[in-house]
Amino acid sequence: MNSSTKTAVFANGCFWCTEAVFSMLKGVSSVKPGYTGGKIKNPTYEQVSDGNTGHAEAILITYDPSVISYDDLLAVYFNTHDPTTLNRQGNDVGTQYRSVIFYTDDEQKSKAESLIKELNASKAYDKPVVTDVEPLDVFYEAEDYHHDYYKNHQNQGYCQLVIAPKLEKLQKRFEKLLK
């Protein structure tokens, strides 16, 4: 990472979905799927999938803030998953699918907490936002076969039924932010 880029770490369900979403944004140079927020060192996908590690499936985004802002990333984040469901996104259930923003500095923490307060105060959703805001500790990159999952498996059922509709929603709402 060079000095002109920053990182953001989000957990909001299956990392195959979130990687596909954030990879489409201008100014995003890389999106890496992985695990964070738990107690076990170097977890595997199988361990995290069991739901007992404390880790969430997450993505590590490297972006250029002169092209896309952290506020824009937060807007995409909150518009491409349901931040009102605790430990669940669609049929994906468990703490590994929880909604969490892992901040890397005080500015990210402040922006995330302020936006959540704003969303709740404006009743942007039918239920309160349950997204947590936590400091990033260690991010463990996922196994190679998870990288570019949607790009490499677009015809797979999960990709067609779950990821493709998210990407369509993204294209309609955030056309100006897309590559």
N, C-alpha and C. Protein backbone atom coordinates (compact mmCIF):
# COMPACT_ATOMS: atom_id res chain seq x y z
N MET A 1 0.85 -1.18 0.00
CA MET A 1 0.00 0.00 0.00
C MET A 1 0.89 1.23 0.00
N ASN A 2 0.63 2.18 -0.91
CA ASN A 2 1.42 3.41 -0.90
C ASN A 2 0.71 4.46 -0.07
N SER A 3 1.37 5.59 0.12
CA SER A 3 0.85 6.60 1.03
C SER A 3 -0.41 7.29 0.52
N SER A 4 -0.73 7.15 -0.76
CA SER A 4 -1.92 7.80 -1.29
C SER A 4 -3.16 6.91 -1.19
N THR A 5 -3.00 5.70 -0.69
CA THR A 5 -4.16 4.82 -0.53
C THR A 5 -4.49 4.63 0.95
N LYS A 6 -5.73 4.25 1.18
CA LYS A 6 -6.19 3.95 2.53
C LYS A 6 -6.89 2.60 2.50
N THR A 7 -7.21 2.09 3.68
CA THR A 7 -7.93 0.82 3.76
C THR A 7 -9.23 1.01 4.53
N ALA A 8 -10.17 0.16 4.20
CA ALA A 8 -11.45 0.08 4.91
C ALA A 8 -11.75 -1.41 5.06
N VAL A 9 -12.34 -1.77 6.20
CA VAL A 9 -12.67 -3.17 6.43
C VAL A 9 -14.13 -3.27 6.85
N PHE A 10 -14.89 -4.02 6.06
CA PHE A 10 -16.32 -4.19 6.30
C PHE A 10 -16.69 -5.66 6.36
N ALA A 11 -17.62 -5.98 7.23
CA ALA A 11 -18.24 -7.30 7.28
C ALA A 11 -19.74 -7.07 7.12
N ASN A 12 -20.32 -7.71 6.17
CA ASN A 12 -21.76 -7.56 5.95
C ASN A 12 -22.32 -8.74 5.17
N GLY A 13 -22.09 -9.91 5.72
CA GLY A 13 -22.58 -11.12 5.09
C GLY A 13 -21.46 -11.85 4.38
N CYS A 14 -21.83 -12.62 3.41
CA CYS A 14 -20.89 -13.43 2.65
C CYS A 14 -19.85 -12.57 1.94
N PHE A 15 -18.58 -12.88 2.13
CA PHE A 15 -17.56 -12.05 1.50
C PHE A 15 -17.48 -12.21 0.00
N TRP A 16 -18.07 -13.25 -0.55
CA TRP A 16 -18.14 -13.36 -2.00
C TRP A 16 -18.97 -12.20 -2.56
N CYS A 17 -20.06 -11.89 -1.86
CA CYS A 17 -20.95 -10.80 -2.29
C CYS A 17 -20.25 -9.45 -2.15
N THR A 18 -19.70 -9.20 -0.98
CA THR A 18 -19.14 -7.88 -0.73
C THR A 18 -17.89 -7.63 -1.58
N GLU A 19 -17.12 -8.65 -1.83
CA GLU A 19 -15.96 -8.47 -2.71
C GLU A 19 -16.42 -8.05 -4.10
N ALA A 20 -17.45 -8.70 -4.62
CA ALA A 20 -17.97 -8.38 -5.95
C ALA A 20 -18.48 -6.95 -6.01
N VAL A 21 -19.18 -6.51 -4.97
CA VAL A 21 -19.73 -5.16 -4.92
C VAL A 21 -18.62 -4.11 -4.93
N PHE A 22 -17.72 -4.20 -3.98
CA PHE A 22 -16.71 -3.15 -3.83
C PHE A 22 -15.65 -3.17 -4.93
N SER A 23 -15.48 -4.30 -5.60
CA SER A 23 -14.54 -4.38 -6.71
C SER A 23 -14.99 -3.55 -7.91
N MET A 24 -16.27 -3.21 -7.96
CA MET A 24 -16.82 -2.45 -9.09
C MET A 24 -16.64 -0.93 -8.95
N LEU A 25 -16.12 -0.47 -7.82
CA LEU A 25 -16.06 0.96 -7.56
C LEU A 25 -14.78 1.62 -8.06
N LYS A 26 -14.93 2.81 -8.66
CA LYS A 26 -13.79 3.62 -9.05
C LYS A 26 -12.97 3.93 -7.80
N GLY A 27 -11.67 3.92 -7.95
CA GLY A 27 -10.80 4.27 -6.84
C GLY A 27 -10.45 3.11 -5.93
N VAL A 28 -11.12 1.99 -6.11
CA VAL A 28 -10.83 0.80 -5.31
C VAL A 28 -9.81 -0.03 -6.10
N SER A 29 -8.62 -0.18 -5.51
CA SER A 29 -7.57 -0.91 -6.23
C SER A 29 -7.54 -2.39 -5.88
N SER A 30 -8.02 -2.75 -4.68
CA SER A 30 -8.11 -4.17 -4.36
C SER A 30 -9.14 -4.41 -3.28
N VAL A 31 -9.72 -5.60 -3.33
CA VAL A 31 -10.67 -6.07 -2.32
C VAL A 31 -10.26 -7.49 -1.99
N LYS A 32 -9.90 -7.71 -0.73
CA LYS A 32 -9.46 -9.03 -0.32
C LYS A 32 -10.44 -9.61 0.69
N PRO A 33 -10.95 -10.82 0.43
CA PRO A 33 -11.81 -11.47 1.41
C PRO A 33 -10.98 -12.04 2.54
N GLY A 34 -11.58 -12.06 3.73
CA GLY A 34 -10.87 -12.64 4.86
C GLY A 34 -11.72 -12.71 6.10
N TYR A 35 -11.05 -12.81 7.23
CA TYR A 35 -11.71 -13.02 8.51
C TYR A 35 -11.12 -12.05 9.53
N THR A 36 -11.97 -11.51 10.39
CA THR A 36 -11.51 -10.63 11.46
C THR A 36 -12.57 -10.55 12.55
N GLY A 37 -12.14 -10.07 13.70
CA GLY A 37 -13.07 -9.86 14.80
C GLY A 37 -13.16 -11.01 15.79
N GLY A 38 -12.37 -12.05 15.58
CA GLY A 38 -12.45 -13.22 16.46
C GLY A 38 -11.19 -13.41 17.28
N LYS A 39 -11.15 -14.55 17.93
CA LYS A 39 -10.06 -14.84 18.87
C LYS A 39 -9.03 -15.85 18.34
N ILE A 40 -9.39 -16.63 17.34
CA ILE A 40 -8.50 -17.68 16.83
C ILE A 40 -7.54 -17.11 15.80
N LYS A 41 -6.26 -17.44 15.93
CA LYS A 41 -5.25 -16.99 14.98
C LYS A 41 -5.30 -17.85 13.73
N ASN A 42 -5.12 -17.19 12.58
CA ASN A 42 -5.05 -17.88 11.28
C ASN A 42 -6.21 -18.84 11.05
N PRO A 43 -7.44 -18.37 11.17
CA PRO A 43 -8.57 -19.28 10.99
C PRO A 43 -8.72 -19.71 9.54
N THR A 44 -9.35 -20.86 9.36
CA THR A 44 -9.67 -21.35 8.02
C THR A 44 -11.14 -21.06 7.75
N TYR A 45 -11.52 -21.18 6.49
CA TYR A 45 -12.92 -20.99 6.11
C TYR A 45 -13.82 -21.97 6.85
N GLU A 46 -13.37 -23.21 6.95
CA GLU A 46 -14.17 -24.23 7.62
C GLU A 46 -14.38 -23.87 9.10
N GLN A 47 -13.35 -23.37 9.76
CA GLN A 47 -13.48 -22.97 11.16
C GLN A 47 -14.44 -21.80 11.31
N VAL A 48 -14.29 -20.80 10.47
CA VAL A 48 -15.16 -19.62 10.55
C VAL A 48 -16.60 -20.00 10.22
N SER A 49 -16.78 -20.88 9.25
CA SER A 49 -18.13 -21.31 8.85
C SER A 49 -18.87 -22.00 9.97
N ASP A 50 -18.15 -22.63 10.89
CA ASP A 50 -18.79 -23.28 12.04
C ASP A 50 -19.40 -22.27 13.00
N GLY A 51 -18.98 -21.00 12.91
CA GLY A 51 -19.55 -19.95 13.74
C GLY A 51 -19.01 -19.89 15.16
N ASN A 52 -17.94 -20.61 15.45
CA ASN A 52 -17.42 -20.64 16.82
C ASN A 52 -16.10 -19.90 17.02
N THR A 53 -15.60 -19.22 15.99
CA THR A 53 -14.30 -18.55 16.10
C THR A 53 -14.42 -17.11 16.56
N GLY A 54 -15.61 -16.55 16.45
CA GLY A 54 -15.79 -15.13 16.74
C GLY A 54 -15.47 -14.25 15.54
N HIS A 55 -14.89 -14.84 14.49
CA HIS A 55 -14.55 -14.07 13.30
C HIS A 55 -15.78 -13.85 12.42
N ALA A 56 -15.74 -12.75 11.70
CA ALA A 56 -16.74 -12.47 10.67
C ALA A 56 -16.08 -12.58 9.31
N GLU A 57 -16.84 -13.00 8.32
CA GLU A 57 -16.36 -12.91 6.95
C GLU A 57 -16.33 -11.42 6.63
N ALA A 58 -15.20 -10.95 6.14
CA ALA A 58 -15.01 -9.51 5.92
C ALA A 58 -14.21 -9.28 4.66
N ILE A 59 -14.13 -8.01 4.27
CA ILE A 59 -13.30 -7.63 3.14
C ILE A 59 -12.38 -6.49 3.55
N LEU A 60 -11.18 -6.52 3.02
CA LEU A 60 -10.20 -5.46 3.20
C LEU A 60 -10.11 -4.72 1.88
N ILE A 61 -10.54 -3.46 1.90
CA ILE A 61 -10.59 -2.64 0.69
C ILE A 61 -9.39 -1.68 0.70
N THR A 62 -8.66 -1.64 -0.38
CA THR A 62 -7.62 -0.63 -0.57
C THR A 62 -8.17 0.36 -1.60
N TYR A 63 -8.19 1.64 -1.23
CA TYR A 63 -8.81 2.63 -2.10
C TYR A 63 -8.02 3.94 -2.10
N ASP A 64 -8.27 4.73 -3.13
CA ASP A 64 -7.65 6.04 -3.29
C ASP A 64 -8.67 7.08 -2.85
N PRO A 65 -8.45 7.76 -1.71
CA PRO A 65 -9.43 8.72 -1.22
C PRO A 65 -9.58 9.97 -2.09
N SER A 66 -8.67 10.16 -3.05
CA SER A 66 -8.85 11.28 -3.99
C SER A 66 -9.85 10.93 -5.08
N VAL A 67 -10.21 9.64 -5.19
CA VAL A 67 -11.16 9.18 -6.20
C VAL A 67 -12.50 8.79 -5.57
N ILE A 68 -12.44 8.09 -4.45
CA ILE A 68 -13.65 7.67 -3.75
C ILE A 68 -13.44 7.92 -2.24
N SER A 69 -14.45 8.48 -1.62
CA SER A 69 -14.31 8.81 -0.20
C SER A 69 -14.77 7.66 0.70
N TYR A 70 -14.35 7.72 1.94
CA TYR A 70 -14.82 6.75 2.92
C TYR A 70 -16.33 6.87 3.08
N ASP A 71 -16.85 8.10 3.00
CA ASP A 71 -18.30 8.31 3.07
C ASP A 71 -19.02 7.57 1.94
N ASP A 72 -18.43 7.61 0.74
CA ASP A 72 -19.02 6.87 -0.39
C ASP A 72 -18.99 5.37 -0.13
N LEU A 73 -17.88 4.88 0.41
CA LEU A 73 -17.79 3.45 0.74
C LEU A 73 -18.85 3.08 1.77
N LEU A 74 -19.05 3.93 2.78
CA LEU A 74 -20.09 3.66 3.78
C LEU A 74 -21.47 3.65 3.14
N ALA A 75 -21.73 4.57 2.22
CA ALA A 75 -23.03 4.62 1.55
C ALA A 75 -23.29 3.32 0.79
N VAL A 76 -22.27 2.84 0.07
CA VAL A 76 -22.41 1.57 -0.66
C VAL A 76 -22.63 0.43 0.33
N TYR A 77 -21.86 0.44 1.39
CA TYR A 77 -21.96 -0.60 2.42
C TYR A 77 -23.40 -0.71 2.95
N PHE A 78 -23.98 0.41 3.34
CA PHE A 78 -25.32 0.38 3.94
C PHE A 78 -26.43 0.14 2.92
N ASN A 79 -26.13 0.33 1.65
CA ASN A 79 -27.16 0.12 0.62
C ASN A 79 -27.07 -1.23 -0.06
N THR A 80 -26.10 -2.07 0.33
CA THR A 80 -25.96 -3.36 -0.34
C THR A 80 -26.05 -4.54 0.62
N HIS A 81 -26.59 -4.29 1.81
CA HIS A 81 -26.91 -5.38 2.73
C HIS A 81 -27.98 -4.86 3.69
N ASP A 82 -28.52 -5.74 4.50
CA ASP A 82 -29.53 -5.34 5.48
C ASP A 82 -28.84 -5.16 6.83
N PRO A 83 -28.60 -3.90 7.23
CA PRO A 83 -27.90 -3.65 8.48
C PRO A 83 -28.79 -3.75 9.72
N THR A 84 -30.01 -4.24 9.52
CA THR A 84 -30.95 -4.36 10.65
C THR A 84 -31.12 -5.79 11.13
N THR A 85 -30.47 -6.72 10.47
CA THR A 85 -30.59 -8.13 10.88
C THR A 85 -29.35 -8.54 11.65
N LEU A 86 -29.55 -9.09 12.82
CA LEU A 86 -28.45 -9.48 13.69
C LEU A 86 -27.94 -10.86 13.29
N ASN A 87 -26.65 -10.93 12.98
CA ASN A 87 -26.01 -12.21 12.67
C ASN A 87 -26.67 -12.95 11.52
N ARG A 88 -27.06 -12.19 10.50
CA ARG A 88 -27.75 -12.82 9.37
C ARG A 88 -27.75 -11.87 8.17
N GLN A 89 -27.59 -12.48 6.99
CA GLN A 89 -27.85 -11.81 5.73
C GLN A 89 -28.53 -12.84 4.84
N GLY A 90 -29.82 -12.65 4.61
CA GLY A 90 -30.58 -13.61 3.82
C GLY A 90 -30.55 -14.98 4.46
N ASN A 91 -30.16 -15.99 3.67
CA ASN A 91 -30.09 -17.36 4.18
C ASN A 91 -28.78 -17.66 4.91
N ASP A 92 -27.85 -16.71 4.91
CA ASP A 92 -26.58 -16.88 5.62
C ASP A 92 -26.78 -16.46 7.07
N VAL A 93 -26.73 -17.41 7.98
CA VAL A 93 -27.03 -17.15 9.39
C VAL A 93 -25.85 -17.54 10.27
N GLY A 94 -25.54 -16.69 11.23
CA GLY A 94 -24.47 -16.95 12.19
C GLY A 94 -23.65 -15.69 12.43
N THR A 95 -22.90 -15.69 13.51
CA THR A 95 -22.09 -14.51 13.84
C THR A 95 -21.06 -14.19 12.77
N GLN A 96 -20.69 -15.17 11.98
CA GLN A 96 -19.71 -14.94 10.92
C GLN A 96 -20.29 -14.07 9.79
N TYR A 97 -21.61 -13.85 9.80
CA TYR A 97 -22.26 -13.02 8.78
C TYR A 97 -22.77 -11.71 9.35
N ARG A 98 -22.30 -11.34 10.53
CA ARG A 98 -22.78 -10.12 11.18
C ARG A 98 -22.35 -8.86 10.43
N SER A 99 -23.04 -7.79 10.71
CA SER A 99 -22.77 -6.49 10.11
C SER A 99 -21.84 -5.71 11.04
N VAL A 100 -20.60 -5.50 10.60
CA VAL A 100 -19.61 -4.79 11.41
C VAL A 100 -18.72 -3.92 10.53
N ILE A 101 -18.47 -2.73 10.99
CA ILE A 101 -17.47 -1.86 10.38
C ILE A 101 -16.26 -1.91 11.29
N PHE A 102 -15.15 -2.37 10.75
CA PHE A 102 -13.90 -2.43 11.51
C PHE A 102 -13.07 -1.20 11.13
N TYR A 103 -13.00 -0.24 12.02
CA TYR A 103 -12.31 1.00 11.69
C TYR A 103 -10.80 0.90 11.90
N THR A 104 -10.08 1.68 11.09
CA THR A 104 -8.62 1.69 11.17
C THR A 104 -8.08 2.97 11.80
N ASP A 105 -8.95 3.96 12.00
CA ASP A 105 -8.54 5.20 12.67
C ASP A 105 -9.77 5.88 13.27
N ASP A 106 -9.52 6.93 14.05
CA ASP A 106 -10.61 7.62 14.74
C ASP A 106 -11.59 8.28 13.79
N GLU A 107 -11.10 8.75 12.65
CA GLU A 107 -11.98 9.39 11.67
C GLU A 107 -13.00 8.38 11.12
N GLN A 108 -12.53 7.18 10.78
CA GLN A 108 -13.45 6.15 10.30
C GLN A 108 -14.47 5.80 11.38
N LYS A 109 -14.01 5.67 12.61
CA LYS A 109 -14.92 5.35 13.72
C LYS A 109 -15.99 6.42 13.84
N SER A 110 -15.59 7.66 13.85
CA SER A 110 -16.52 8.78 13.99
C SER A 110 -17.54 8.82 12.85
N LYS A 111 -17.05 8.66 11.62
CA LYS A 111 -17.96 8.70 10.46
C LYS A 111 -18.96 7.55 10.50
N ALA A 112 -18.50 6.36 10.85
CA ALA A 112 -19.39 5.20 10.90
C ALA A 112 -20.44 5.38 12.00
N GLU A 113 -20.02 5.79 13.19
CA GLU A 113 -20.96 5.97 14.30
C GLU A 113 -21.96 7.08 14.00
N SER A 114 -21.50 8.16 13.39
CA SER A 114 -22.39 9.27 13.05
C SER A 114 -23.44 8.84 12.02
N LEU A 115 -23.00 8.10 11.02
CA LEU A 115 -23.93 7.65 9.99
C LEU A 115 -24.97 6.70 10.57
N ILE A 116 -24.56 5.81 11.44
CA ILE A 116 -25.53 4.89 12.06
C ILE A 116 -26.56 5.68 12.88
N LYS A 117 -26.11 6.66 13.64
CA LYS A 117 -27.04 7.51 14.40
C LYS A 117 -28.01 8.22 13.47
N GLU A 118 -27.48 8.75 12.37
CA GLU A 118 -28.30 9.45 11.38
C GLU A 118 -29.33 8.51 10.75
N LEU A 119 -28.91 7.32 10.37
CA LEU A 119 -29.82 6.35 9.76
C LEU A 119 -30.93 5.96 10.74
N ASN A 120 -30.59 5.77 12.00
CA ASN A 120 -31.60 5.42 13.00
C ASN A 120 -32.53 6.59 13.29
N ALA A 121 -31.99 7.80 13.40
CA ALA A 121 -32.81 8.98 13.69
C ALA A 121 -33.78 9.28 12.55
N SER A 122 -33.33 9.06 11.32
CA SER A 122 -34.19 9.33 10.16
C SER A 122 -35.12 8.17 9.83
N LYS A 123 -34.98 7.08 10.58
CA LYS A 123 -35.77 5.88 10.33
C LYS A 123 -35.63 5.42 8.88
N ALA A 124 -34.38 5.42 8.41
CA ALA A 124 -34.07 5.00 7.05
C ALA A 124 -34.48 3.56 6.79
N TYR A 125 -34.52 2.76 7.86
CA TYR A 125 -34.93 1.36 7.77
C TYR A 125 -36.12 1.14 8.70
N ASP A 126 -36.87 0.07 8.46
CA ASP A 126 -38.03 -0.24 9.29
C ASP A 126 -37.65 -0.63 10.71
N LYS A 127 -36.43 -1.11 10.88
CA LYS A 127 -35.93 -1.53 12.19
C LYS A 127 -34.61 -0.80 12.46
N PRO A 128 -34.16 -0.77 13.71
CA PRO A 128 -32.89 -0.11 14.02
C PRO A 128 -31.69 -0.82 13.37
N VAL A 129 -30.70 -0.03 13.01
CA VAL A 129 -29.44 -0.56 12.48
C VAL A 129 -28.71 -1.27 13.62
N VAL A 130 -28.27 -2.50 13.38
CA VAL A 130 -27.56 -3.27 14.40
C VAL A 130 -26.07 -3.41 14.07
N THR A 131 -25.61 -2.70 13.07
CA THR A 131 -24.21 -2.75 12.67
C THR A 131 -23.32 -2.30 13.83
N ASP A 132 -22.32 -3.12 14.14
CA ASP A 132 -21.34 -2.75 15.16
C ASP A 132 -20.21 -1.96 14.52
N VAL A 133 -19.55 -1.17 15.34
CA VAL A 133 -18.35 -0.43 14.93
C VAL A 133 -17.26 -0.83 15.90
N GLU A 134 -16.23 -1.51 15.38
CA GLU A 134 -15.18 -2.07 16.23
C GLU A 134 -13.81 -1.74 15.65
N PRO A 135 -12.79 -1.64 16.50
CA PRO A 135 -11.44 -1.41 15.98
C PRO A 135 -10.93 -2.65 15.25
N LEU A 136 -10.23 -2.43 14.16
CA LEU A 136 -9.62 -3.55 13.45
C LEU A 136 -8.42 -4.04 14.24
N ASP A 137 -8.36 -5.32 14.49
CA ASP A 137 -7.21 -5.90 15.16
C ASP A 137 -6.34 -6.55 14.08
N VAL A 138 -6.63 -7.79 13.76
CA VAL A 138 -5.87 -8.51 12.74
C VAL A 138 -6.84 -8.95 11.65
N PHE A 139 -6.45 -8.77 10.40
CA PHE A 139 -7.23 -9.25 9.26
C PHE A 139 -6.49 -10.44 8.68
N TYR A 140 -7.18 -11.57 8.63
CA TYR A 140 -6.59 -12.79 8.06
C TYR A 140 -7.17 -12.98 6.67
N GLU A 141 -6.31 -12.95 5.67
CA GLU A 141 -6.77 -13.12 4.30
C GLU A 141 -7.31 -14.53 4.09
N ALA A 142 -8.42 -14.63 3.36
CA ALA A 142 -9.05 -15.92 3.08
C ALA A 142 -8.21 -16.72 2.09
N GLU A 143 -8.51 -17.99 2.03
CA GLU A 143 -7.84 -18.90 1.11
C GLU A 143 -8.02 -18.41 -0.34
N ASP A 144 -7.07 -18.77 -1.19
CA ASP A 144 -7.04 -18.28 -2.57
C ASP A 144 -8.34 -18.53 -3.32
N TYR A 145 -8.98 -19.66 -3.10
CA TYR A 145 -10.18 -19.97 -3.89
C TYR A 145 -11.36 -19.05 -3.60
N HIS A 146 -11.27 -18.23 -2.55
CA HIS A 146 -12.33 -17.26 -2.26
C HIS A 146 -12.12 -15.93 -3.00
N HIS A 147 -10.92 -15.68 -3.47
CA HIS A 147 -10.62 -14.43 -4.16
C HIS A 147 -11.29 -14.41 -5.53
N ASP A 148 -11.89 -13.28 -5.85
CA ASP A 148 -12.59 -13.11 -7.15
C ASP A 148 -13.63 -14.21 -7.37
N TYR A 149 -14.30 -14.60 -6.31
CA TYR A 149 -15.23 -15.72 -6.41
C TYR A 149 -16.32 -15.48 -7.45
N TYR A 150 -16.97 -14.33 -7.36
CA TYR A 150 -18.05 -14.05 -8.31
C TYR A 150 -17.52 -13.98 -9.74
N LYS A 151 -16.41 -13.31 -9.92
CA LYS A 151 -15.81 -13.17 -11.25
C LYS A 151 -15.52 -14.54 -11.86
N ASN A 152 -15.09 -15.49 -11.02
CA ASN A 152 -14.71 -16.81 -11.51
C ASN A 152 -15.85 -17.84 -11.52
N HIS A 153 -16.98 -17.49 -10.91
CA HIS A 153 -18.10 -18.46 -10.80
C HIS A 153 -19.45 -17.82 -11.06
N GLN A 154 -19.54 -16.93 -12.01
CA GLN A 154 -20.77 -16.18 -12.24
C GLN A 154 -21.99 -17.05 -12.54
N ASN A 155 -21.78 -18.21 -13.08
CA ASN A 155 -22.91 -19.08 -13.43
C ASN A 155 -23.34 -19.99 -12.30
N GLN A 156 -22.61 -19.99 -11.19
CA GLN A 156 -22.95 -20.82 -10.04
C GLN A 156 -24.26 -20.29 -9.43
N GLY A 157 -25.07 -21.17 -8.87
CA GLY A 157 -26.39 -20.80 -8.36
C GLY A 157 -26.38 -19.68 -7.35
N TYR A 158 -25.52 -19.76 -6.34
CA TYR A 158 -25.46 -18.72 -5.31
C TYR A 158 -25.13 -17.37 -5.94
N CYS A 159 -24.22 -17.38 -6.89
CA CYS A 159 -23.84 -16.13 -7.55
C CYS A 159 -25.02 -15.53 -8.32
N GLN A 160 -25.77 -16.38 -9.01
CA GLN A 160 -26.92 -15.91 -9.78
C GLN A 160 -28.05 -15.40 -8.89
N LEU A 161 -28.32 -16.12 -7.81
CA LEU A 161 -29.46 -15.80 -6.95
C LEU A 161 -29.18 -14.71 -5.92
N VAL A 162 -27.95 -14.60 -5.45
CA VAL A 162 -27.65 -13.68 -4.36
C VAL A 162 -26.76 -12.51 -4.80
N ILE A 163 -25.67 -12.79 -5.48
CA ILE A 163 -24.71 -11.74 -5.81
C ILE A 163 -25.19 -10.88 -6.98
N ALA A 164 -25.67 -11.50 -8.04
CA ALA A 164 -26.09 -10.73 -9.22
C ALA A 164 -27.14 -9.66 -8.88
N PRO A 165 -28.17 -9.96 -8.08
CA PRO A 165 -29.13 -8.89 -7.72
C PRO A 165 -28.49 -7.74 -6.93
N LYS A 166 -27.52 -8.04 -6.08
CA LYS A 166 -26.81 -6.97 -5.35
C LYS A 166 -26.07 -6.06 -6.33
N LEU A 167 -25.46 -6.66 -7.33
CA LEU A 167 -24.72 -5.88 -8.31
C LEU A 167 -25.65 -5.03 -9.16
N GLU A 168 -26.82 -5.55 -9.47
CA GLU A 168 -27.82 -4.77 -10.22
C GLU A 168 -28.28 -3.57 -9.40
N LYS A 169 -28.51 -3.78 -8.13
CA LYS A 169 -28.91 -2.70 -7.23
C LYS A 169 -27.81 -1.64 -7.16
N LEU A 170 -26.57 -2.09 -7.05
CA LEU A 170 -25.43 -1.19 -7.01
C LEU A 170 -25.37 -0.35 -8.29
N GLN A 171 -25.55 -0.98 -9.43
CA GLN A 171 -25.47 -0.28 -10.71
C GLN A 171 -26.55 0.78 -10.85
N LYS A 172 -27.72 0.54 -10.30
CA LYS A 172 -28.80 1.52 -10.36
C LYS A 172 -28.59 2.69 -9.41
N ARG A 173 -28.15 2.40 -8.19
CA ARG A 173 -28.03 3.44 -7.16
C ARG A 173 -26.73 4.22 -7.19
N PHE A 174 -25.67 3.60 -7.66
CA PHE A 174 -24.36 4.21 -7.54
C PHE A 174 -23.60 4.26 -8.87
N GLU A 175 -24.34 4.53 -9.94
CA GLU A 175 -23.75 4.54 -11.27
C GLU A 175 -22.50 5.43 -11.37
N LYS A 176 -22.53 6.57 -10.71
CA LYS A 176 -21.41 7.52 -10.81
C LYS A 176 -20.14 7.03 -10.11
N LEU A 177 -20.28 6.05 -9.21
CA LEU A 177 -19.12 5.53 -8.48
C LEU A 177 -18.49 4.32 -9.15
N LEU A 178 -19.13 3.83 -10.23
CA LEU A 178 -18.66 2.58 -10.85
C LEU A 178 -17.52 2.79 -11.83
N LYS A 179 -16.68 1.76 -11.93
CA LYS A 179 -15.56 1.77 -12.89
C LYS A 179 -16.10 1.76 -14.29
